[in-house]
Amino acid sequence: MEFGESFEECATREVLEETGMQIQNVRFLRLMNLKTYSGKHYVDIGLIADWSAGEPEVREPDRCESWGWFDPDHLPEPLFATLPSYLEALRTGKNFFDA
């Protein structure tokens, strides 16, 4: 996040910078207290948005090996620790998850 940005502003800017896509209707999905990785502690704020324009492209190849599109019910393993709670929030509407 840049100083003074809202979560929505940050998400909109980061998606455009990293993917070339424009999003709208950014909204809260879930919050996670992530202590899964040894020696690290994160607070992960999950947002969801609607696509409005642009085609996805990898704009930061040094930070992203590749992308893939998968059925949410058949994702490759292993998953980053935040992903199961994102999927739970999308499916159930539950928006707080404490790990």
C-alpha atoms as a PDB file:
ATOM      1  CA  MET A   1       0.000   0.000   0.000  1.00  0.00           C
ATOM      2  CA  GLU A   2       1.058   3.533  -0.668  1.00  0.00           C
ATOM      3  CA  PHE A   3       0.743   6.020   2.183  1.00  0.00           C
ATOM      4  CA  GLY A   4      -2.827   7.284   2.477  1.00  0.00           C
ATOM      5  CA  GLU A   5      -4.353   4.729   0.070  1.00  0.00           C
ATOM      6  CA  SER A   6      -7.557   2.936   0.879  1.00  0.00           C
ATOM      7  CA  PHE A   7      -7.655  -0.841   0.465  1.00  0.00           C
ATOM      8  CA  GLU A   8      -9.802  -0.335  -2.645  1.00  0.00           C
ATOM      9  CA  GLU A   9      -7.417   2.210  -4.177  1.00  0.00           C
ATOM     10  CA  CYS A  10      -4.444  -0.049  -3.502  1.00  0.00           C
ATOM     11  CA  ALA A  11      -6.139  -3.076  -5.086  1.00  0.00           C
ATOM     12  CA  THR A  12      -7.178  -1.080  -8.159  1.00  0.00           C
ATOM     13  CA  ARG A  13      -3.657   0.303  -8.648  1.00  0.00           C
ATOM     14  CA  GLU A  14      -1.856  -2.994  -7.975  1.00  0.00           C
ATOM     15  CA  VAL A  15      -4.078  -5.005 -10.327  1.00  0.00           C
ATOM     16  CA  LEU A  16      -3.476  -2.494 -13.117  1.00  0.00           C
ATOM     17  CA  GLU A  17       0.297  -2.372 -12.476  1.00  0.00           C
ATOM     18  CA  GLU A  18       0.719  -6.144 -12.227  1.00  0.00           C
ATOM     19  CA  THR A  19      -1.805  -7.395 -14.804  1.00  0.00           C
ATOM     20  CA  GLY A  20      -2.871  -4.542 -17.082  1.00  0.00           C
ATOM     21  CA  MET A  21      -6.488  -5.118 -16.077  1.00  0.00           C
ATOM     22  CA  GLN A  22      -8.871  -2.504 -14.748  1.00  0.00           C
ATOM     23  CA  ILE A  23     -11.252  -3.445 -11.950  1.00  0.00           C
ATOM     24  CA  GLN A  24     -14.273  -1.835 -10.343  1.00  0.00           C
ATOM     25  CA  ASN A  25     -16.667  -2.471  -7.469  1.00  0.00           C
ATOM     26  CA  VAL A  26     -13.810  -3.502  -5.141  1.00  0.00           C
ATOM     27  CA  ARG A  27     -15.166  -4.894  -1.887  1.00  0.00           C
ATOM     28  CA  PHE A  28     -14.075  -6.695   1.261  1.00  0.00           C
ATOM     29  CA  LEU A  29     -13.993 -10.501   1.111  1.00  0.00           C
ATOM     30  CA  ARG A  30     -12.229 -11.676   4.253  1.00  0.00           C
ATOM     31  CA  LEU A  31      -9.510 -11.026   6.815  1.00  0.00           C
ATOM     32  CA  MET A  32      -6.952 -13.628   7.877  1.00  0.00           C
ATOM     33  CA  ASN A  33      -4.442 -13.690  10.703  1.00  0.00           C
ATOM     34  CA  LEU A  34      -1.785 -15.829   9.014  1.00  0.00           C
ATOM     35  CA  LYS A  35       0.775 -17.570  11.219  1.00  0.00           C
ATOM     36  CA  THR A  36       1.330 -20.617   8.983  1.00  0.00           C
ATOM     37  CA  TYR A  37       4.868 -19.856   7.853  1.00  0.00           C
ATOM     38  CA  SER A  38       7.582 -20.306  10.475  1.00  0.00           C
ATOM     39  CA  GLY A  39       8.961 -17.050  11.809  1.00  0.00           C
ATOM     40  CA  LYS A  40       6.484 -14.929   9.851  1.00  0.00           C
ATOM     41  CA  HIS A  41       3.175 -13.345  10.872  1.00  0.00           C
ATOM     42  CA  TYR A  42       0.932 -11.601   8.341  1.00  0.00           C
ATOM     43  CA  VAL A  43      -2.471  -9.998   8.311  1.00  0.00           C
ATOM     44  CA  ASP A  44      -3.969 -10.791   4.902  1.00  0.00           C
ATOM     45  CA  ILE A  45      -6.828  -8.633   3.654  1.00  0.00           C
ATOM     46  CA  GLY A  46      -8.824 -10.349   0.925  1.00  0.00           C
ATOM     47  CA  LEU A  47     -10.772  -8.249  -1.553  1.00  0.00           C
ATOM     48  CA  ILE A  48     -12.931  -9.126  -4.528  1.00  0.00           C
ATOM     49  CA  ALA A  49     -13.724  -6.977  -7.563  1.00  0.00           C
ATOM     50  CA  ASP A  50     -15.369  -6.984 -10.966  1.00  0.00           C
ATOM     51  CA  TRP A  51     -13.296  -6.846 -14.147  1.00  0.00           C
ATOM     52  CA  SER A  52     -13.977  -3.726 -16.224  1.00  0.00           C
ATOM     53  CA  ALA A  53     -11.306  -3.622 -18.963  1.00  0.00           C
ATOM     54  CA  GLY A  54      -7.968  -4.935 -20.168  1.00  0.00           C
ATOM     55  CA  GLU A  55      -6.578  -8.354 -20.960  1.00  0.00           C
ATOM     56  CA  PRO A  56      -4.453 -10.114 -18.322  1.00  0.00           C
ATOM     57  CA  GLU A  57      -0.724 -10.048 -18.908  1.00  0.00           C
ATOM     58  CA  VAL A  58       2.248 -10.726 -16.649  1.00  0.00           C
ATOM     59  CA  ARG A  59       3.730  -7.266 -16.158  1.00  0.00           C
ATOM     60  CA  GLU A  60       6.169  -8.272 -13.419  1.00  0.00           C
ATOM     61  CA  PRO A  61       7.789 -11.443 -14.784  1.00  0.00           C
ATOM     62  CA  ASP A  62      10.604 -11.285 -12.226  1.00  0.00           C
ATOM     63  CA  ARG A  63       7.974 -11.704  -9.480  1.00  0.00           C
ATOM     64  CA  CYS A  64       5.651 -14.169 -11.196  1.00  0.00           C
ATOM     65  CA  GLU A  65       6.709 -17.392 -12.893  1.00  0.00           C
ATOM     66  CA  SER A  66       3.418 -18.049 -14.638  1.00  0.00           C
ATOM     67  CA  TRP A  67      -0.339 -17.906 -14.421  1.00  0.00           C
ATOM     68  CA  GLY A  68      -2.913 -20.567 -14.943  1.00  0.00           C
ATOM     69  CA  TRP A  69      -6.685 -20.643 -15.026  1.00  0.00           C
ATOM     70  CA  PHE A  70      -8.223 -23.437 -12.988  1.00  0.00           C
ATOM     71  CA  ASP A  71     -11.622 -24.641 -11.849  1.00  0.00           C
ATOM     72  CA  PRO A  72     -11.849 -23.511  -8.192  1.00  0.00           C
ATOM     73  CA  ASP A  73     -12.888 -27.048  -7.248  1.00  0.00           C
ATOM     74  CA  HIS A  74      -9.778 -28.553  -8.899  1.00  0.00           C
ATOM     75  CA  LEU A  75      -6.811 -26.375  -7.981  1.00  0.00           C
ATOM     76  CA  PRO A  76      -3.234 -27.647  -8.204  1.00  0.00           C
ATOM     77  CA  GLU A  77      -1.360 -28.367  -4.979  1.00  0.00           C
ATOM     78  CA  PRO A  78       0.259 -27.007  -2.952  1.00  0.00           C
ATOM     79  CA  LEU A  79      -1.797 -23.868  -2.398  1.00  0.00           C
ATOM     80  CA  PHE A  80      -0.554 -20.751  -0.669  1.00  0.00           C
ATOM     81  CA  ALA A  81      -2.037 -20.813   2.843  1.00  0.00           C
ATOM     82  CA  THR A  82      -4.477 -17.944   2.209  1.00  0.00           C
ATOM     83  CA  LEU A  83      -6.274 -19.545  -0.738  1.00  0.00           C
ATOM     84  CA  PRO A  84      -8.543 -22.020   1.110  1.00  0.00           C
ATOM     85  CA  SER A  85     -10.039 -19.195   3.196  1.00  0.00           C
ATOM     86  CA  TYR A  86     -10.569 -17.051   0.072  1.00  0.00           C
ATOM     87  CA  LEU A  87     -12.510 -19.912  -1.490  1.00  0.00           C
ATOM     88  CA  GLU A  88     -14.492 -20.472   1.707  1.00  0.00           C
ATOM     89  CA  ALA A  89     -15.410 -16.789   1.840  1.00  0.00           C
ATOM     90  CA  LEU A  90     -16.515 -16.819  -1.812  1.00  0.00           C
ATOM     91  CA  ARG A  91     -18.652 -19.921  -1.316  1.00  0.00           C
ATOM     92  CA  THR A  92     -20.195 -19.181   2.077  1.00  0.00           C
ATOM     93  CA  GLY A  93     -20.107 -15.420   2.563  1.00  0.00           C
ATOM     94  CA  LYS A  94     -18.034 -15.906   5.728  1.00  0.00           C
ATOM     95  CA  ASN A  95     -15.709 -12.938   5.804  1.00  0.00           C
ATOM     96  CA  PHE A  96     -13.503 -13.437   8.843  1.00  0.00           C
ATOM     97  CA  PHE A  97     -11.086 -16.310   9.231  1.00  0.00           C
ATOM     98  CA  ASP A  98      -8.501 -16.585  11.959  1.00  0.00           C
ATOM     99  CA  ALA A  99      -5.769 -19.180  11.382  1.00  0.00           C
END
